[in-house]
Amino acid sequence: MLYLIGLGLGDAKDITVKGLEAVRRCSRVYLEAYTSVLTVGKEALEEFYGRKLILADREEVEQEADNILKDADISDVAFLVVGDPFGATTHSDLVLRATKLGIPYRVIHNASIMNAVGCCGLQLYKFGETVSIVFWTDTWRPESFFDKVKKNRQNGMHTLCLLDIKVKEQSLENLIKGRKIYEPPRYMSVNQAAQQLLEIIQNQRIQGEEPAITEETLCVGLARVGADDQKIAAGTLQQMCTVDLGEPLHSLIITGGSIHPMEMEMLNLFSIPENS
């Protein structure tokens, strides 16, 4: 059996009882280590679970999935995912591969950022399509996701923006030369995401377009959702450029055009002082 087990969002203790029982009876346990991270390291998980974990990076999961599935038809193998197992499309591919090989699978769900964002007080059923904001480079500055933000705003829906994570990434030079040398991990902050959004707004104005959002659009910054030191800040997009939310992981919400009075009352609990 292949088990896909969600770990939740905080630390080692966020795994469900059902998930922990499955981990402890598996012969191999993989920890997916590139779509998200917990607030504790691999060693803390191993200590709490009582099992050794095998780190599975993007390359292994997407290109060498057969290694993970090896012998899963005659023994139990666990694949651990921060958040919920289906928070990333990569994990659907693992299920499809297992099915083609005749390997049974079981999914044990957990909380993910997709539903935990309700902690800020915005109503989950008023969220539209989720977008990803990636780190820009000198030669690659994608803006296509902004169309989805515009569509959500037109429909009065909030937009959850998932911010980029760079783990075990190679520089262009090392990639070209085939050197397996990796850059230090990088996690996009709410500040960086807000600054890129402001640049897109300016670009659209220069082109004579009316941007879907402005510097004054109400946004919500979230950090380490599910952890003991979780932080939430509500304010304008401009304020999101300077608000201090601390360590990763960060997420950003761009509110829809209409906000329910109860949503606003909740956001007031997290409002950034006007003089900040």
C-alpha atoms as a PDB file:
ATOM      1  CA  MET A   1       0.000   0.000   0.000  1.00  0.00           C
ATOM      2  CA  LEU A   2       1.116   3.554  -0.768  1.00  0.00           C
ATOM      3  CA  TYR A   3       0.024   6.023   1.903  1.00  0.00           C
ATOM      4  CA  LEU A   4      -0.142   9.738   1.085  1.00  0.00           C
ATOM      5  CA  ILE A   5      -0.223  11.473   4.455  1.00  0.00           C
ATOM      6  CA  GLY A   6      -0.831  15.146   5.182  1.00  0.00           C
ATOM      7  CA  LEU A   7       1.253  16.642   7.985  1.00  0.00           C
ATOM      8  CA  GLY A   8      -0.720  19.830   8.579  1.00  0.00           C
ATOM      9  CA  LEU A   9       0.904  23.237   8.855  1.00  0.00           C
ATOM     10  CA  GLY A  10       2.642  23.664  12.212  1.00  0.00           C
ATOM     11  CA  ASP A  11       5.043  21.160  13.691  1.00  0.00           C
ATOM     12  CA  ALA A  12       5.520  17.415  14.249  1.00  0.00           C
ATOM     13  CA  LYS A  13       2.369  17.116  16.371  1.00  0.00           C
ATOM     14  CA  ASP A  14       0.036  18.290  13.604  1.00  0.00           C
ATOM     15  CA  ILE A  15      -0.077  14.866  11.971  1.00  0.00           C
ATOM     16  CA  THR A  16      -3.379  13.054  12.612  1.00  0.00           C
ATOM     17  CA  VAL A  17      -3.554   9.978  14.834  1.00  0.00           C
ATOM     18  CA  LYS A  18      -4.520   7.933  11.777  1.00  0.00           C
ATOM     19  CA  GLY A  19      -1.563   9.341   9.853  1.00  0.00           C
ATOM     20  CA  LEU A  20       0.888   8.624  12.672  1.00  0.00           C
ATOM     21  CA  GLU A  21      -0.325   5.026  12.964  1.00  0.00           C
ATOM     22  CA  ALA A  22       0.256   4.557   9.231  1.00  0.00           C
ATOM     23  CA  VAL A  23       3.750   6.080   9.377  1.00  0.00           C
ATOM     24  CA  ARG A  24       4.793   3.732  12.175  1.00  0.00           C
ATOM     25  CA  ARG A  25       3.827   0.598  10.261  1.00  0.00           C
ATOM     26  CA  CYS A  26       5.478   1.560   6.950  1.00  0.00           C
ATOM     27  CA  SER A  27       8.774   0.037   5.855  1.00  0.00           C
ATOM     28  CA  ARG A  28       9.870   3.266   4.094  1.00  0.00           C
ATOM     29  CA  VAL A  29       8.781   6.820   4.843  1.00  0.00           C
ATOM     30  CA  TYR A  30       9.453   9.667   2.401  1.00  0.00           C
ATOM     31  CA  LEU A  31       9.162  13.358   3.284  1.00  0.00           C
ATOM     32  CA  GLU A  32       8.307  15.594   0.341  1.00  0.00           C
ATOM     33  CA  ALA A  33      10.630  18.565   0.762  1.00  0.00           C
ATOM     34  CA  TYR A  34       9.952  21.188  -1.908  1.00  0.00           C
ATOM     35  CA  THR A  35       6.321  22.398  -2.119  1.00  0.00           C
ATOM     36  CA  SER A  36       6.208  23.567   1.513  1.00  0.00           C
ATOM     37  CA  VAL A  37       7.999  23.326   4.861  1.00  0.00           C
ATOM     38  CA  LEU A  38       7.030  22.926   8.508  1.00  0.00           C
ATOM     39  CA  THR A  39       8.382  25.109  11.319  1.00  0.00           C
ATOM     40  CA  VAL A  40      10.530  22.190  12.519  1.00  0.00           C
ATOM     41  CA  GLY A  41      13.199  20.170  10.752  1.00  0.00           C
ATOM     42  CA  LYS A  42      13.446  16.549   9.641  1.00  0.00           C
ATOM     43  CA  GLU A  43      15.135  15.489  12.897  1.00  0.00           C
ATOM     44  CA  ALA A  44      12.203  16.716  15.023  1.00  0.00           C
ATOM     45  CA  LEU A  45       9.782  14.767  12.846  1.00  0.00           C
ATOM     46  CA  GLU A  46      11.878  11.611  13.080  1.00  0.00           C
ATOM     47  CA  GLU A  47      12.004  11.882  16.861  1.00  0.00           C
ATOM     48  CA  PHE A  48       8.226  12.305  17.201  1.00  0.00           C
ATOM     49  CA  TYR A  49       7.253   9.719  14.576  1.00  0.00           C
ATOM     50  CA  GLY A  50       9.830   7.188  15.737  1.00  0.00           C
ATOM     51  CA  ARG A  51      10.878   6.554  12.128  1.00  0.00           C
ATOM     52  CA  LYS A  52      13.727   7.541   9.836  1.00  0.00           C
ATOM     53  CA  LEU A  53      12.603   9.801   6.982  1.00  0.00           C
ATOM     54  CA  ILE A  54      13.933   9.852   3.431  1.00  0.00           C
ATOM     55  CA  LEU A  55      13.939  13.360   1.937  1.00  0.00           C
ATOM     56  CA  ALA A  56      12.259  13.450  -1.474  1.00  0.00           C
ATOM     57  CA  ASP A  57      13.119  16.548  -3.482  1.00  0.00           C
ATOM     58  CA  ARG A  58      11.445  17.766  -6.679  1.00  0.00           C
ATOM     59  CA  GLU A  59      13.816  15.820  -8.933  1.00  0.00           C
ATOM     60  CA  GLU A  60      13.143  12.515  -7.175  1.00  0.00           C
ATOM     61  CA  VAL A  61       9.362  12.927  -7.013  1.00  0.00           C
ATOM     62  CA  GLU A  62       8.885  14.183 -10.563  1.00  0.00           C
ATOM     63  CA  GLN A  63      11.580  12.208 -12.390  1.00  0.00           C
ATOM     64  CA  GLU A  64      12.324   9.163 -10.248  1.00  0.00           C
ATOM     65  CA  ALA A  65       8.922   8.364  -8.752  1.00  0.00           C
ATOM     66  CA  ASP A  66       9.453   4.656  -9.463  1.00  0.00           C
ATOM     67  CA  ASN A  67      12.051   4.609  -6.642  1.00  0.00           C
ATOM     68  CA  ILE A  68       9.373   5.758  -4.200  1.00  0.00           C
ATOM     69  CA  LEU A  69       6.884   3.168  -5.477  1.00  0.00           C
ATOM     70  CA  LYS A  70       9.402   0.299  -5.475  1.00  0.00           C
ATOM     71  CA  ASP A  71       8.029  -2.708  -3.539  1.00  0.00           C
ATOM     72  CA  ALA A  72       4.926  -0.730  -2.478  1.00  0.00           C
ATOM     73  CA  ASP A  73       2.878  -3.653  -3.833  1.00  0.00           C
ATOM     74  CA  ILE A  74       4.348  -6.010  -1.215  1.00  0.00           C
ATOM     75  CA  SER A  75       5.070  -3.581   1.679  1.00  0.00           C
ATOM     76  CA  ASP A  76       3.741  -0.307   3.071  1.00  0.00           C
ATOM     77  CA  VAL A  77       5.350   2.937   1.878  1.00  0.00           C
ATOM     78  CA  ALA A  78       4.433   6.400   3.172  1.00  0.00           C
ATOM     79  CA  PHE A  79       4.777   9.710   1.335  1.00  0.00           C
ATOM     80  CA  LEU A  80       4.474  12.650   3.735  1.00  0.00           C
ATOM     81  CA  VAL A  81       3.311  16.042   2.510  1.00  0.00           C
ATOM     82  CA  VAL A  82       3.222  19.311   4.455  1.00  0.00           C
ATOM     83  CA  GLY A  83      -0.386  20.497   4.510  1.00  0.00           C
ATOM     84  CA  ASP A  84      -2.706  18.187   2.579  1.00  0.00           C
ATOM     85  CA  PRO A  85      -1.486  15.498   0.132  1.00  0.00           C
ATOM     86  CA  PHE A  86      -3.320  17.054  -2.810  1.00  0.00           C
ATOM     87  CA  GLY A  87      -2.104  20.593  -2.263  1.00  0.00           C
ATOM     88  CA  ALA A  88       0.202  20.111  -5.282  1.00  0.00           C
ATOM     89  CA  THR A  89      -0.553  18.445  -8.635  1.00  0.00           C
ATOM     90  CA  THR A  90       2.712  16.472  -8.376  1.00  0.00           C
ATOM     91  CA  HIS A  91       1.080  14.216  -5.846  1.00  0.00           C
ATOM     92  CA  SER A  92      -1.802  13.339  -8.145  1.00  0.00           C
ATOM     93  CA  ASP A  93       0.842  12.095 -10.576  1.00  0.00           C
ATOM     94  CA  LEU A  94       2.193   9.757  -7.889  1.00  0.00           C
ATOM     95  CA  VAL A  95      -1.290   8.279  -7.401  1.00  0.00           C
ATOM     96  CA  LEU A  96      -1.710   7.781 -11.160  1.00  0.00           C
ATOM     97  CA  ARG A  97       1.659   6.019 -11.391  1.00  0.00           C
ATOM     98  CA  ALA A  98       0.784   3.764  -8.450  1.00  0.00           C
ATOM     99  CA  THR A  99      -2.572   2.860 -10.010  1.00  0.00           C
ATOM    100  CA  LYS A 100      -0.935   1.933 -13.329  1.00  0.00           C
ATOM    101  CA  LEU A 101       1.451  -0.361 -11.445  1.00  0.00           C
ATOM    102  CA  GLY A 102      -1.437  -2.010  -9.597  1.00  0.00           C
ATOM    103  CA  ILE A 103      -0.356  -0.568  -6.244  1.00  0.00           C
ATOM    104  CA  PRO A 104      -3.257   0.283  -3.906  1.00  0.00           C
ATOM    105  CA  TYR A 105      -3.119   3.687  -2.227  1.00  0.00           C
ATOM    106  CA  ARG A 106      -4.740   5.472   0.676  1.00  0.00           C
ATOM    107  CA  VAL A 107      -4.920   9.200   1.397  1.00  0.00           C
ATOM    108  CA  ILE A 108      -4.933  10.610   4.941  1.00  0.00           C
ATOM    109  CA  HIS A 109      -5.907  14.269   4.780  1.00  0.00           C
ATOM    110  CA  ASN A 110      -4.891  17.211   6.952  1.00  0.00           C
ATOM    111  CA  ALA A 111      -5.250  21.007   7.118  1.00  0.00           C
ATOM    112  CA  SER A 112      -3.651  23.012   4.314  1.00  0.00           C
ATOM    113  CA  ILE A 113      -3.149  26.713   3.634  1.00  0.00           C
ATOM    114  CA  MET A 114      -6.116  26.458   1.231  1.00  0.00           C
ATOM    115  CA  ASN A 115      -8.552  26.204   4.143  1.00  0.00           C
ATOM    116  CA  ALA A 116      -6.484  27.504   7.062  1.00  0.00           C
ATOM    117  CA  VAL A 117      -6.493  31.022   5.535  1.00  0.00           C
ATOM    118  CA  GLY A 118      -9.953  31.322   7.089  1.00  0.00           C
ATOM    119  CA  CYS A 119      -8.076  32.243  10.288  1.00  0.00           C
ATOM    120  CA  CYS A 120      -7.938  35.858   9.090  1.00  0.00           C
ATOM    121  CA  GLY A 121     -11.727  36.094   9.057  1.00  0.00           C
ATOM    122  CA  LEU A 122     -12.357  36.123   5.308  1.00  0.00           C
ATOM    123  CA  GLN A 123     -15.037  33.619   4.367  1.00  0.00           C
ATOM    124  CA  LEU A 124     -13.670  30.618   2.483  1.00  0.00           C
ATOM    125  CA  TYR A 125     -16.555  30.360   0.026  1.00  0.00           C
ATOM    126  CA  LYS A 126     -15.764  33.905  -1.157  1.00  0.00           C
ATOM    127  CA  PHE A 127     -12.325  32.927  -2.500  1.00  0.00           C
ATOM    128  CA  GLY A 128     -11.813  32.664  -6.246  1.00  0.00           C
ATOM    129  CA  GLU A 129      -8.982  31.020  -8.155  1.00  0.00           C
ATOM    130  CA  THR A 130      -5.701  30.690  -6.246  1.00  0.00           C
ATOM    131  CA  VAL A 131      -2.564  32.122  -7.879  1.00  0.00           C
ATOM    132  CA  SER A 132       1.176  31.635  -7.427  1.00  0.00           C
ATOM    133  CA  ILE A 133       3.617  34.549  -7.331  1.00  0.00           C
ATOM    134  CA  VAL A 134       7.161  33.569  -8.312  1.00  0.00           C
ATOM    135  CA  PHE A 135      10.501  35.271  -7.780  1.00  0.00           C
ATOM    136  CA  TRP A 136      11.307  37.533 -10.706  1.00  0.00           C
ATOM    137  CA  THR A 137      14.711  37.452 -12.374  1.00  0.00           C
ATOM    138  CA  ASP A 138      16.442  39.974 -14.630  1.00  0.00           C
ATOM    139  CA  THR A 139      15.091  38.197 -17.697  1.00  0.00           C
ATOM    140  CA  TRP A 140      11.852  36.585 -16.469  1.00  0.00           C
ATOM    141  CA  ARG A 141       9.107  38.707 -14.909  1.00  0.00           C
ATOM    142  CA  PRO A 142       5.781  36.914 -15.449  1.00  0.00           C
ATOM    143  CA  GLU A 143       2.571  38.887 -14.943  1.00  0.00           C
ATOM    144  CA  SER A 144       0.004  36.469 -16.406  1.00  0.00           C
ATOM    145  CA  PHE A 145      -1.364  35.505 -12.971  1.00  0.00           C
ATOM    146  CA  PHE A 146      -2.626  39.079 -12.605  1.00  0.00           C
ATOM    147  CA  ASP A 147      -5.464  38.300 -15.044  1.00  0.00           C
ATOM    148  CA  LYS A 148      -6.820  35.814 -12.502  1.00  0.00           C
ATOM    149  CA  VAL A 149      -6.660  38.444  -9.760  1.00  0.00           C
ATOM    150  CA  LYS A 150      -8.635  40.788 -12.033  1.00  0.00           C
ATOM    151  CA  LYS A 151     -11.241  38.113 -12.763  1.00  0.00           C
ATOM    152  CA  ASN A 152     -11.620  37.339  -9.053  1.00  0.00           C
ATOM    153  CA  ARG A 153     -12.034  41.032  -8.223  1.00  0.00           C
ATOM    154  CA  GLN A 154     -14.678  41.433 -10.926  1.00  0.00           C
ATOM    155  CA  ASN A 155     -16.596  38.573  -9.323  1.00  0.00           C
ATOM    156  CA  GLY A 156     -16.184  39.992  -5.814  1.00  0.00           C
ATOM    157  CA  MET A 157     -13.911  37.099  -4.823  1.00  0.00           C
ATOM    158  CA  HIS A 158     -10.767  37.123  -2.691  1.00  0.00           C
ATOM    159  CA  THR A 159      -7.475  35.854  -4.167  1.00  0.00           C
ATOM    160  CA  LEU A 160      -5.112  33.650  -2.199  1.00  0.00           C
ATOM    161  CA  CYS A 161      -1.567  34.169  -3.467  1.00  0.00           C
ATOM    162  CA  LEU A 162       0.863  31.323  -2.761  1.00  0.00           C
ATOM    163  CA  LEU A 163       4.388  32.712  -2.605  1.00  0.00           C
ATOM    164  CA  ASP A 164       7.430  31.172  -4.217  1.00  0.00           C
ATOM    165  CA  ILE A 165       9.691  28.637  -2.522  1.00  0.00           C
ATOM    166  CA  LYS A 166      13.127  27.890  -3.961  1.00  0.00           C
ATOM    167  CA  VAL A 167      14.591  24.726  -2.459  1.00  0.00           C
ATOM    168  CA  LYS A 168      17.482  22.783  -4.009  1.00  0.00           C
ATOM    169  CA  GLU A 169      17.545  25.054  -7.060  1.00  0.00           C
ATOM    170  CA  GLN A 170      20.557  25.333  -9.362  1.00  0.00           C
ATOM    171  CA  SER A 171      21.977  28.532 -10.807  1.00  0.00           C
ATOM    172  CA  LEU A 172      21.760  28.830 -14.611  1.00  0.00           C
ATOM    173  CA  GLU A 173      25.533  28.362 -14.869  1.00  0.00           C
ATOM    174  CA  ASN A 174      25.555  25.174 -12.787  1.00  0.00           C
ATOM    175  CA  LEU A 175      22.508  23.867 -14.665  1.00  0.00           C
ATOM    176  CA  ILE A 176      24.200  24.396 -18.049  1.00  0.00           C
ATOM    177  CA  LYS A 177      27.432  22.792 -16.869  1.00  0.00           C
ATOM    178  CA  GLY A 178      25.604  19.869 -15.278  1.00  0.00           C
ATOM    179  CA  ARG A 179      27.041  20.586 -11.834  1.00  0.00           C
ATOM    180  CA  LYS A 180      24.848  19.399  -8.971  1.00  0.00           C
ATOM    181  CA  ILE A 181      25.559  22.483  -6.884  1.00  0.00           C
ATOM    182  CA  TYR A 182      22.485  24.024  -5.298  1.00  0.00           C
ATOM    183  CA  GLU A 183      21.612  27.537  -4.217  1.00  0.00           C
ATOM    184  CA  PRO A 184      20.611  28.301  -0.595  1.00  0.00           C
ATOM    185  CA  PRO A 185      16.847  27.984   0.057  1.00  0.00           C
ATOM    186  CA  ARG A 186      14.781  31.129  -0.557  1.00  0.00           C
ATOM    187  CA  TYR A 187      11.226  31.843   0.553  1.00  0.00           C
ATOM    188  CA  MET A 188       9.282  34.788  -0.844  1.00  0.00           C
ATOM    189  CA  SER A 189       8.010  37.236   1.763  1.00  0.00           C
ATOM    190  CA  VAL A 190       4.778  39.231   1.692  1.00  0.00           C
ATOM    191  CA  ASN A 191       6.966  42.340   1.250  1.00  0.00           C
ATOM    192  CA  GLN A 192       8.549  40.967  -1.939  1.00  0.00           C
ATOM    193  CA  ALA A 193       5.203  39.819  -3.351  1.00  0.00           C
ATOM    194  CA  ALA A 194       3.622  43.231  -2.682  1.00  0.00           C
ATOM    195  CA  GLN A 195       6.523  45.053  -4.351  1.00  0.00           C
ATOM    196  CA  GLN A 196       6.184  42.898  -7.480  1.00  0.00           C
ATOM    197  CA  LEU A 197       2.430  43.533  -7.541  1.00  0.00           C
ATOM    198  CA  LEU A 198       3.024  47.293  -7.343  1.00  0.00           C
ATOM    199  CA  GLU A 199       5.387  47.054 -10.324  1.00  0.00           C
ATOM    200  CA  ILE A 200       2.708  45.236 -12.323  1.00  0.00           C
ATOM    201  CA  ILE A 201       0.222  47.978 -11.428  1.00  0.00           C
ATOM    202  CA  GLN A 202       2.666  50.638 -12.637  1.00  0.00           C
ATOM    203  CA  ASN A 203       3.340  48.704 -15.856  1.00  0.00           C
ATOM    204  CA  GLN A 204      -0.375  48.505 -16.607  1.00  0.00           C
ATOM    205  CA  ARG A 205      -0.831  52.237 -16.019  1.00  0.00           C
ATOM    206  CA  ILE A 206       2.059  52.998 -18.378  1.00  0.00           C
ATOM    207  CA  GLN A 207       0.307  50.870 -21.016  1.00  0.00           C
ATOM    208  CA  GLY A 208      -2.895  52.880 -20.521  1.00  0.00           C
ATOM    209  CA  GLU A 209      -4.750  50.108 -18.704  1.00  0.00           C
ATOM    210  CA  GLU A 210      -6.769  50.437 -15.518  1.00  0.00           C
ATOM    211  CA  PRO A 211      -5.281  47.900 -13.077  1.00  0.00           C
ATOM    212  CA  ALA A 212      -7.635  45.594 -11.164  1.00  0.00           C
ATOM    213  CA  ILE A 213      -6.075  46.631  -7.860  1.00  0.00           C
ATOM    214  CA  THR A 214      -4.256  49.721  -6.587  1.00  0.00           C
ATOM    215  CA  GLU A 215      -1.858  50.672  -3.825  1.00  0.00           C
ATOM    216  CA  GLU A 216      -4.887  51.167  -1.567  1.00  0.00           C
ATOM    217  CA  THR A 217      -6.496  47.752  -2.136  1.00  0.00           C
ATOM    218  CA  LEU A 218      -7.091  45.924   1.142  1.00  0.00           C
ATOM    219  CA  CYS A 219      -4.831  42.899   1.524  1.00  0.00           C
ATOM    220  CA  VAL A 220      -3.968  40.392   4.231  1.00  0.00           C
ATOM    221  CA  GLY A 221      -0.480  39.073   4.938  1.00  0.00           C
ATOM    222  CA  LEU A 222      -0.128  35.758   6.751  1.00  0.00           C
ATOM    223  CA  ALA A 223       2.963  34.045   8.136  1.00  0.00           C
ATOM    224  CA  ARG A 224       3.512  30.573   9.605  1.00  0.00           C
ATOM    225  CA  VAL A 225      -0.203  29.758   9.617  1.00  0.00           C
ATOM    226  CA  GLY A 226      -0.886  26.936  12.063  1.00  0.00           C
ATOM    227  CA  ALA A 227       2.233  27.549  14.140  1.00  0.00           C
ATOM    228  CA  ASP A 228       2.280  28.950  17.676  1.00  0.00           C
ATOM    229  CA  ASP A 229       3.817  32.195  16.403  1.00  0.00           C
ATOM    230  CA  GLN A 230       1.391  32.606  13.487  1.00  0.00           C
ATOM    231  CA  LYS A 231       1.096  36.223  12.382  1.00  0.00           C
ATOM    232  CA  ILE A 232      -1.648  38.042  10.439  1.00  0.00           C
ATOM    233  CA  ALA A 233      -1.672  41.654   9.229  1.00  0.00           C
ATOM    234  CA  ALA A 234      -4.463  43.447   7.334  1.00  0.00           C
ATOM    235  CA  GLY A 235      -3.773  46.684   5.477  1.00  0.00           C
ATOM    236  CA  THR A 236      -3.285  48.244   2.076  1.00  0.00           C
ATOM    237  CA  LEU A 237      -1.105  46.696  -0.612  1.00  0.00           C
ATOM    238  CA  GLN A 238       1.315  49.576  -0.038  1.00  0.00           C
ATOM    239  CA  GLN A 239       1.548  48.695   3.661  1.00  0.00           C
ATOM    240  CA  MET A 240       2.265  45.062   2.753  1.00  0.00           C
ATOM    241  CA  CYS A 241       5.592  46.241   1.308  1.00  0.00           C
ATOM    242  CA  THR A 242       6.935  47.117   4.743  1.00  0.00           C
ATOM    243  CA  VAL A 243       4.966  45.087   7.323  1.00  0.00           C
ATOM    244  CA  ASP A 244       7.200  42.782   9.374  1.00  0.00           C
ATOM    245  CA  LEU A 245       5.761  39.257   9.468  1.00  0.00           C
ATOM    246  CA  GLY A 246       8.981  37.510  10.446  1.00  0.00           C
ATOM    247  CA  GLU A 247      10.165  34.106   9.302  1.00  0.00           C
ATOM    248  CA  PRO A 248       8.609  32.079   6.421  1.00  0.00           C
ATOM    249  CA  LEU A 249       6.322  30.711   5.142  1.00  0.00           C
ATOM    250  CA  HIS A 250       4.253  33.699   3.989  1.00  0.00           C
ATOM    251  CA  SER A 251       0.998  33.966   2.032  1.00  0.00           C
ATOM    252  CA  LEU A 252      -0.866  37.006   0.712  1.00  0.00           C
ATOM    253  CA  ILE A 253      -4.589  37.574   0.200  1.00  0.00           C
ATOM    254  CA  ILE A 254      -5.946  40.262  -2.127  1.00  0.00           C
ATOM    255  CA  THR A 255      -9.497  40.965  -1.018  1.00  0.00           C
ATOM    256  CA  GLY A 256     -12.442  40.974  -3.402  1.00  0.00           C
ATOM    257  CA  GLY A 257     -14.434  44.065  -4.265  1.00  0.00           C
ATOM    258  CA  SER A 258     -17.114  43.492  -1.631  1.00  0.00           C
ATOM    259  CA  ILE A 259     -16.358  42.572   1.981  1.00  0.00           C
ATOM    260  CA  HIS A 260     -19.039  41.352   4.391  1.00  0.00           C
ATOM    261  CA  PRO A 261     -19.338  43.413   7.615  1.00  0.00           C
ATOM    262  CA  MET A 262     -18.373  40.354   9.685  1.00  0.00           C
ATOM    263  CA  GLU A 263     -15.289  39.843   7.514  1.00  0.00           C
ATOM    264  CA  MET A 264     -14.339  43.476   8.069  1.00  0.00           C
ATOM    265  CA  GLU A 265     -14.853  43.167  11.810  1.00  0.00           C
ATOM    266  CA  MET A 266     -12.488  40.191  11.865  1.00  0.00           C
ATOM    267  CA  LEU A 267      -9.890  41.968   9.696  1.00  0.00           C
ATOM    268  CA  ASN A 268      -9.949  44.894  12.140  1.00  0.00           C
ATOM    269  CA  LEU A 269      -8.450  42.524  14.728  1.00  0.00           C
ATOM    270  CA  PHE A 270      -5.332  42.338  12.561  1.00  0.00           C
ATOM    271  CA  SER A 271      -5.207  45.860  11.091  1.00  0.00           C
ATOM    272  CA  ILE A 272      -1.838  47.565  10.648  1.00  0.00           C
ATOM    273  CA  PRO A 273      -1.691  50.931  12.481  1.00  0.00           C
ATOM    274  CA  GLU A 274      -2.176  53.781   9.994  1.00  0.00           C
ATOM    275  CA  ASN A 275       1.135  55.410  10.915  1.00  0.00           C
ATOM    276  CA  SER A 276       3.103  52.236  10.090  1.00  0.00           C
END
